Protein backbone atom coordinates (compact mmCIF):
# COMPACT_ATOMS: atom_id res chain seq x y z
CA GLN A 1 93.65 97.14 68.97
CA VAL A 2 92.59 97.49 72.63
CA GLN A 3 92.43 94.67 75.16
CA LEU A 4 90.67 94.94 78.51
CA VAL A 5 91.49 92.41 81.22
CA GLU A 6 89.03 92.26 84.11
CA SER A 7 89.52 90.61 87.48
CA GLY A 8 88.03 90.52 90.95
CA GLY A 9 84.59 89.06 90.39
CA GLY A 10 83.26 86.16 92.39
CA LEU A 11 80.75 84.93 94.92
CA VAL A 12 80.11 86.90 98.09
CA GLN A 13 77.43 87.00 100.77
CA ALA A 14 75.13 89.96 101.17
CA GLY A 15 76.88 92.74 103.04
CA GLY A 16 80.29 91.73 101.78
CA SER A 17 82.74 93.49 99.49
CA LEU A 18 84.52 92.94 96.20
CA ARG A 19 87.02 95.00 94.24
CA LEU A 20 86.98 94.81 90.45
CA SER A 21 89.95 95.79 88.32
CA CYS A 22 90.24 96.40 84.59
CA ALA A 23 93.59 96.95 82.88
CA ALA A 24 93.72 98.28 79.33
CA SER A 25 96.49 97.62 76.86
CA GLY A 26 96.97 98.27 73.17
CA SER A 27 97.70 101.00 70.70
CA PHE A 28 96.60 104.27 72.22
CA PHE A 29 98.12 107.30 73.87
CA ARG A 30 95.48 108.05 76.49
CA ILE A 31 92.05 106.95 77.66
CA ASN A 32 89.19 109.40 77.96
CA VAL A 33 86.42 107.78 80.05
CA MET A 34 86.63 104.50 81.96
CA GLY A 35 83.67 102.83 83.56
CA TRP A 36 81.71 99.80 84.64
CA TYR A 37 78.39 98.51 83.36
CA ARG A 38 76.43 95.49 84.49
CA GLN A 39 73.81 93.19 83.06
CA ALA A 40 71.63 90.94 85.18
CA PRO A 41 69.71 87.97 83.73
CA GLY A 42 66.75 89.19 81.72
CA LYS A 43 67.77 92.83 82.14
CA GLN A 44 69.34 95.45 79.91
CA ARG A 45 72.91 96.52 80.42
CA GLU A 46 73.12 99.54 82.69
CA LEU A 47 75.77 102.02 83.74
CA VAL A 48 77.13 101.43 87.23
CA ALA A 49 79.79 104.13 87.37
CA ASP A 50 82.26 105.94 85.18
CA ILE A 51 85.17 108.28 85.65
CA ALA A 52 86.71 110.83 83.32
CA ARG A 53 90.43 111.19 82.86
CA GLY A 54 90.50 114.21 85.16
CA GLY A 55 88.68 112.33 87.93
CA THR A 56 85.05 113.41 87.58
CA THR A 57 82.77 110.50 88.55
CA ASN A 58 79.20 109.45 87.87
CA TYR A 59 77.22 106.75 89.69
CA ALA A 60 73.93 105.00 89.26
CA ASP A 61 71.53 105.97 92.03
CA SER A 62 71.29 102.33 93.11
CA VAL A 63 74.99 102.16 94.04
CA LYS A 64 75.68 105.63 95.42
CA GLY A 65 77.24 105.45 98.85
CA ARG A 66 78.21 101.80 98.41
CA PHE A 67 80.48 101.69 95.34
CA THR A 68 83.55 103.77 94.55
CA ILE A 69 85.19 104.05 91.15
CA SER A 70 88.80 105.12 90.71
CA ARG A 71 91.51 105.00 88.06
CA ASP A 72 95.26 104.94 87.77
CA ASN A 73 96.14 106.68 84.53
CA ALA A 74 99.77 105.58 84.66
CA LYS A 75 98.64 101.94 84.73
CA ASN A 76 95.64 102.38 82.40
CA THR A 77 93.55 100.68 85.05
CA VAL A 78 90.10 101.34 86.48
CA TYR A 79 88.79 99.94 89.75
CA LEU A 80 85.38 99.46 91.29
CA GLN A 81 85.25 99.01 95.04
CA MET A 82 81.89 97.45 95.92
CA ASN A 83 80.81 97.48 99.56
CA SER A 84 77.59 96.48 101.29
CA LEU A 85 76.70 94.23 98.40
CA LYS A 86 73.09 93.22 97.87
CA PRO A 87 71.59 90.28 95.98
CA GLU A 88 70.27 92.74 93.40
CA ASP A 89 73.88 93.60 92.55
CA THR A 90 74.25 90.14 91.02
CA ALA A 91 75.19 90.57 87.37
CA VAL A 92 77.93 90.29 84.82
CA TYR A 93 80.07 93.41 85.15
CA TYR A 94 81.66 94.83 82.02
CA CYS A 95 84.57 97.22 81.84
CA TYR A 96 84.22 100.03 79.32
CA ILE A 97 86.67 102.60 78.01
CA ASN A 98 86.57 105.15 75.27
CA LEU A 99 89.38 106.95 73.54
CA SER A 100 86.93 109.55 72.24
CA PRO A 101 83.14 109.90 72.46
CA THR A 102 82.78 107.73 69.34
CA LEU A 103 85.51 105.14 69.94
CA GLY A 104 84.71 102.75 72.78
CA TYR A 105 85.70 99.25 73.86
CA TRP A 106 84.23 96.57 76.10
CA GLY A 107 85.76 93.94 78.31
CA GLN A 108 84.57 90.34 78.25
CA GLY A 109 82.72 90.63 81.56
CA THR A 110 83.20 89.19 85.02
CA GLN A 111 80.50 87.52 87.10
CA VAL A 112 79.51 88.98 90.47
CA THR A 113 77.11 86.87 92.51
CA VAL A 114 75.73 88.05 95.86
CA SER A 115 73.96 85.44 97.95
CA THR A 116 71.51 85.90 100.80
């Protein structure tokens, strides 16, 4: 029904930057919330940032000032610009969208590894 294609993950040294992208396709008219979650080894999945259709954003305290989330509604795409990366940012990053508060979808995940 809905497919999410993620790109932009990879290996980067501490202090570097990456830009993640997630493009949604499928049978829907509009997307409500788009966001990014991450899961590190041995940890629970946590919200990194999300953005409502109108542009309101929310960030985890650990990434405020370093990460920026944005979306292009015409392209059904959400981005996560990650600057000043730290080793503790290493995780699998998952794209998330919902079409309503009770109808959500997950991407397959993309690995981000930050080395010292």
